[in-house]
């Protein structure tokens, strides 16, 4: 819900010129009911001149009369007739007040120490400093490095917590993309190349589990056992007489 441009001045005028309740005025002006009561008693907003919301187009006369007749109803602000374009935030170097420029090195030291994933451009956007200053603090060769103390830049008022969280989230996504890219391009150490002989060797046929193995008989493994018919006949062993008999007879005849 939008509120009037000058809420306290509008509340002063409504208190002085209408019969609205404190709750109705507080709800319309975006104030607390006790604060409106303080304005009516003269304890709050002393010296503020009342501003007529009807003359400047923030409230209509009919809407005011309707709420005066019904204390439970609430005032609705009138829509502006002129649509002003939204002011775009200018891009550029962040301005840091002179009173806080001496605290920037402490804030840079805190960011470098607690969020090393932030690059120099992100730190520069948050703090409004230069890259050489960031690099000197990263390398610990800043001229006042011994006196620096890490201090949260949000606490110092140099940046908002929302801006810091946004930059940290961007840095985390960038780091995740880099890690994913490295994992794709990296070659595992346990992968070895095959030799040419192994690569050209034909692969063995795959074993088929469902195909039954052929049945084998003992004769296929150990050969056919010999039968009596197939055995060769035993040779007759010669006796001594058949061998030496003739030799002795020929000797006696010669004598």
Protein backbone atom coordinates (compact mmCIF):
# COMPACT_ATOMS: atom_id res chain seq x y z
CA UNK A 1 0.00 0.00 0.00
CA UNK A 2 1.33 3.47 -0.91
CA UNK A 3 1.28 6.39 1.50
CA UNK A 4 1.17 10.17 1.06
CA UNK A 5 4.35 12.02 0.15
CA UNK A 6 4.49 13.94 3.47
CA UNK A 7 2.77 11.65 5.98
CA UNK A 8 3.18 13.77 9.13
CA UNK A 9 2.09 16.99 7.43
CA UNK A 10 -0.92 15.15 5.97
CA UNK A 11 -1.76 13.74 9.41
CA UNK A 12 -1.64 17.27 10.90
CA UNK A 13 -4.12 18.52 8.31
CA UNK A 14 -6.48 15.53 8.76
CA UNK A 15 -6.47 15.98 12.55
CA UNK A 16 -7.26 19.69 12.29
CA UNK A 17 -9.84 19.56 9.48
CA UNK A 18 -11.63 16.18 9.66
CA UNK A 19 -13.47 13.95 12.13
CA UNK A 20 -11.46 10.84 11.27
CA UNK A 21 -10.30 8.54 14.05
CA UNK A 22 -6.66 8.14 14.98
CA UNK A 23 -6.64 4.62 13.55
CA UNK A 24 -7.97 5.84 10.18
CA UNK A 25 -5.37 8.63 9.97
CA UNK A 26 -2.57 6.29 11.07
CA UNK A 27 -3.54 3.68 8.49
CA UNK A 28 -3.71 6.25 5.68
CA UNK A 29 -0.44 8.02 6.56
CA UNK A 30 1.54 4.91 7.51
CA UNK A 31 2.04 6.01 11.12
CA UNK A 32 1.37 4.43 14.48
CA UNK A 33 -1.88 5.29 16.27
CA UNK A 34 0.06 6.54 19.31
CA UNK A 35 2.14 8.78 17.06
CA UNK A 36 -1.05 10.28 15.60
CA UNK A 37 -2.34 10.82 19.15
CA UNK A 38 0.96 12.58 20.00
CA UNK A 39 0.48 14.85 16.99
CA UNK A 40 -3.03 15.69 18.20
CA UNK A 41 -1.72 16.44 21.73
CA UNK A 42 1.08 18.62 20.36
CA UNK A 43 3.89 16.36 21.59
CA UNK A 44 4.91 15.19 18.10
CA UNK A 45 5.47 17.07 14.83
CA UNK A 46 5.66 20.47 16.45
CA UNK A 47 6.04 23.28 13.92
CA UNK A 48 4.97 21.14 10.94
CA UNK A 49 2.43 22.84 8.71
CA UNK A 50 -0.52 20.74 7.61
CA UNK A 51 -0.70 19.58 3.98
CA UNK A 52 -4.06 19.23 2.29
CA UNK A 53 -4.18 15.80 0.54
CA UNK A 54 -7.27 16.84 -1.46
CA UNK A 55 -5.62 19.83 -3.13
CA UNK A 56 -2.55 17.88 -4.20
CA UNK A 57 -4.63 15.02 -5.62
CA UNK A 58 -3.80 12.34 -3.05
CA UNK A 59 -7.36 12.09 -1.69
CA UNK A 60 -10.84 12.84 -3.00
CA UNK A 61 -13.63 14.66 -1.16
CA UNK A 62 -16.04 11.76 -1.62
CA UNK A 63 -13.56 9.29 -0.13
CA UNK A 64 -13.05 11.57 2.87
CA UNK A 65 -16.79 11.94 3.53
CA UNK A 66 -17.34 8.18 3.20
CA UNK A 67 -14.73 7.38 5.86
CA UNK A 68 -16.01 10.11 8.20
CA UNK A 69 -19.44 8.51 8.19
CA UNK A 70 -18.08 4.98 8.78
CA UNK A 71 -15.27 4.77 11.38
CA UNK A 72 -14.53 1.16 10.38
CA UNK A 73 -13.69 2.01 6.77
CA UNK A 74 -10.23 3.05 5.64
CA UNK A 75 -9.06 5.79 3.31
CA UNK A 76 -7.72 4.85 -0.10
CA UNK A 77 -5.13 7.04 -1.71
CA UNK A 78 -5.93 8.31 -5.20
CA UNK A 79 -3.85 7.13 -8.12
CA UNK A 80 -1.49 9.66 -9.60
CA UNK A 81 -2.58 11.10 -12.92
CA UNK A 82 0.98 11.60 -14.10
CA UNK A 83 2.99 8.43 -14.60
CA UNK A 84 6.59 9.26 -13.87
CA UNK A 85 9.18 6.96 -15.46
CA UNK A 86 11.13 4.79 -13.08
CA UNK A 87 14.59 6.08 -12.36
CA UNK A 88 17.17 3.58 -13.56
CA UNK A 89 20.26 3.02 -11.52
CA UNK A 90 23.31 4.41 -13.22
CA UNK A 91 26.19 2.07 -13.83
CA UNK A 92 29.61 3.19 -12.82
CA UNK A 93 32.05 3.42 -9.99
CA UNK A 94 30.44 3.34 -6.59
CA UNK A 95 30.78 6.56 -4.63
CA UNK A 96 32.15 6.20 -1.13
CA UNK A 97 31.87 9.12 1.32
CA UNK A 98 35.10 10.70 2.46
CA UNK A 99 34.44 9.70 6.05
CA UNK A 100 34.41 6.00 5.13
CA UNK A 101 37.20 5.86 2.56
CA UNK A 102 39.78 5.09 5.23
CA UNK A 103 37.76 2.00 6.21
CA UNK A 104 37.77 0.48 2.73
CA UNK A 105 41.09 -1.44 3.17
CA UNK A 106 39.66 -3.14 6.28
CA UNK A 107 36.54 -4.14 4.32
CA UNK A 108 38.65 -5.42 1.41
CA UNK A 109 40.76 -7.45 3.85
CA UNK A 110 37.58 -9.00 5.27
CA UNK A 111 36.25 -9.94 1.83
CA UNK A 112 39.57 -11.41 0.69
CA UNK A 113 39.84 -13.41 3.89
CA UNK A 114 36.25 -14.68 4.20
CA UNK A 115 35.22 -14.87 0.54
CA UNK A 116 38.29 -15.71 -1.55
CA UNK A 117 36.02 -16.85 -4.39
CA UNK A 118 35.14 -13.21 -5.17
CA UNK A 119 37.20 -11.74 -8.00
CA UNK A 120 38.59 -8.22 -8.14
CA UNK A 121 35.67 -6.87 -10.18
CA UNK A 122 33.14 -8.07 -7.62
CA UNK A 123 35.08 -6.62 -4.69
CA UNK A 124 35.42 -3.35 -6.57
CA UNK A 125 31.66 -3.19 -7.16
CA UNK A 126 30.91 -3.83 -3.50
CA UNK A 127 33.46 -1.50 -1.92
CA UNK A 128 34.07 1.03 -4.68
CA UNK A 129 37.83 0.68 -4.81
CA UNK A 130 40.50 0.01 -7.42
CA UNK A 131 41.98 -3.31 -8.52
CA UNK A 132 45.59 -2.39 -7.61
CA UNK A 133 44.47 -1.81 -4.02
CA UNK A 134 42.73 -5.20 -3.96
CA UNK A 135 45.77 -6.94 -5.42
CA UNK A 136 48.11 -5.31 -2.88
CA UNK A 137 45.94 -6.60 -0.02
CA UNK A 138 45.71 -10.06 -1.60
CA UNK A 139 49.49 -10.21 -1.94
CA UNK A 140 49.92 -8.70 1.56
CA UNK A 141 52.17 -5.93 0.27
CA UNK A 142 49.85 -3.02 1.09
CA UNK A 143 51.66 -0.06 2.62
CA UNK A 144 49.50 -0.28 5.77
CA UNK A 145 49.10 -4.06 5.89
CA UNK A 146 50.29 -4.34 9.48
CA UNK A 147 47.51 -2.10 10.77
CA UNK A 148 44.63 -3.57 8.76
CA UNK A 149 41.86 -5.39 10.59
CA UNK A 150 39.18 -7.41 8.77
CA UNK A 151 35.80 -5.71 9.25
CA UNK A 152 32.50 -6.67 7.62
CA UNK A 153 31.69 -4.08 4.90
CA UNK A 154 27.98 -4.36 5.74
CA UNK A 155 28.76 -3.28 9.31
CA UNK A 156 30.80 -0.36 7.99
CA UNK A 157 27.95 0.67 5.70
CA UNK A 158 30.01 0.30 2.53
CA UNK A 159 27.56 -2.16 0.93
CA UNK A 160 24.24 -3.86 1.58
CA UNK A 161 23.84 -7.42 2.78
CA UNK A 162 21.67 -8.22 -0.26
CA UNK A 163 24.41 -7.04 -2.65
CA UNK A 164 27.03 -9.09 -0.81
CA UNK A 165 24.88 -12.23 -0.89
CA UNK A 166 24.23 -11.74 -4.61
CA UNK A 167 27.94 -11.45 -5.44
CA UNK A 168 28.79 -14.49 -3.29
CA UNK A 169 26.11 -16.53 -5.07
CA UNK A 170 27.48 -15.50 -8.48
CA UNK A 171 30.98 -16.48 -7.44
CA UNK A 172 29.78 -19.88 -6.21
CA UNK A 173 28.02 -20.58 -9.53
CA UNK A 174 31.13 -19.56 -11.46
CA UNK A 175 33.31 -21.86 -9.35
CA UNK A 176 30.89 -24.76 -9.91
CA UNK A 177 31.02 -24.21 -13.69
CA UNK A 178 34.81 -24.18 -13.66
CA UNK A 179 34.98 -27.40 -11.64
CA UNK A 180 32.53 -29.09 -14.01
CA UNK A 181 34.61 -28.03 -17.00
CA UNK A 182 37.81 -29.34 -15.41
CA UNK A 183 36.19 -32.68 -14.64
CA UNK A 184 35.19 -33.08 -18.28
CA UNK A 185 38.63 -32.27 -19.69
CA UNK A 186 40.69 -34.17 -17.08
CA UNK A 187 42.00 -37.70 -17.99
CA UNK A 188 41.82 -40.28 -15.19
CA UNK A 189 45.16 -41.71 -14.03
CA UNK A 190 44.02 -45.35 -14.10
CA UNK A 191 43.30 -45.36 -17.83
CA UNK A 192 46.04 -47.19 -19.83
CA UNK A 193 46.42 -47.53 -23.56
CA UNK A 194 46.10 -50.96 -25.21
CA UNK A 195 48.99 -52.38 -27.17
CA UNK A 196 48.71 -52.85 -30.92
CA UNK A 197 48.73 -56.67 -30.62
CA UNK A 198 45.97 -56.63 -28.04
CA UNK A 199 43.89 -54.21 -30.05
CA UNK A 200 44.23 -56.26 -33.27
CA UNK A 201 43.59 -59.61 -31.56
CA UNK A 202 40.14 -60.96 -32.48
CA UNK A 203 37.71 -61.05 -29.66
CA UNK A 204 36.64 -64.40 -28.26
CA UNK A 205 33.07 -65.31 -28.97
CA UNK A 206 30.73 -64.54 -26.18
CA UNK A 207 29.59 -67.46 -24.10
CA UNK A 208 25.95 -68.25 -24.55
CA UNK A 209 24.41 -69.26 -21.27
CA UNK A 210 21.19 -70.57 -22.74
CA UNK A 211 22.88 -72.91 -25.24
CA UNK A 212 23.32 -76.42 -23.72
CA UNK A 213 26.78 -77.96 -23.75
CA UNK A 214 27.24 -81.12 -25.91
CA UNK A 215 27.26 -84.36 -23.95
CA UNK A 216 30.57 -86.22 -23.89
CA UNK A 217 31.28 -89.93 -23.41
CA UNK A 218 34.49 -91.42 -21.90
CA UNK A 219 35.60 -92.69 -25.29
CA UNK A 220 35.62 -89.12 -26.63
CA UNK A 221 37.86 -88.00 -23.82
CA UNK A 222 40.20 -90.99 -23.21
CA UNK A 223 39.93 -92.79 -26.54
CA UNK A 224 38.47 -96.21 -27.33
CA UNK A 225 39.62 -99.01 -25.01
CA UNK A 226 41.28 -101.97 -26.81
CA UNK A 227 39.22 -105.16 -27.35
CA UNK A 228 40.49 -108.76 -27.35
CA UNK A 229 40.02 -109.03 -31.11
CA UNK A 230 41.96 -105.87 -31.73
CA UNK A 231 44.92 -106.87 -29.48
CA UNK A 232 47.97 -108.25 -31.39
CA UNK A 233 48.83 -111.93 -30.96
CA UNK A 234 51.55 -112.81 -28.44
CA UNK A 235 54.86 -113.72 -30.04
CA UNK A 236 56.38 -117.15 -29.21
CA UNK A 237 59.49 -116.96 -27.10
CA UNK A 238 62.36 -119.08 -28.67
CA UNK A 239 63.98 -121.76 -26.50
CA UNK A 240 67.71 -122.32 -25.89
CA UNK A 241 67.78 -125.55 -27.91
CA UNK A 242 66.31 -123.89 -30.95
CA UNK A 243 68.94 -121.21 -30.71
CA UNK A 244 72.11 -123.16 -29.81
CA UNK A 245 71.21 -126.64 -31.04
CA UNK A 246 72.52 -126.23 -34.55
CA UNK A 247 75.64 -124.55 -33.30
CA UNK A 248 76.67 -127.58 -31.22
CA UNK A 249 75.97 -130.12 -34.01
CA UNK A 250 78.14 -128.35 -36.51
CA UNK A 251 81.07 -128.33 -34.13
CA UNK A 252 81.05 -132.09 -33.45
CA UNK A 253 80.97 -132.84 -37.15
CA UNK A 254 84.08 -130.81 -37.80
CA UNK A 255 85.99 -132.66 -35.06
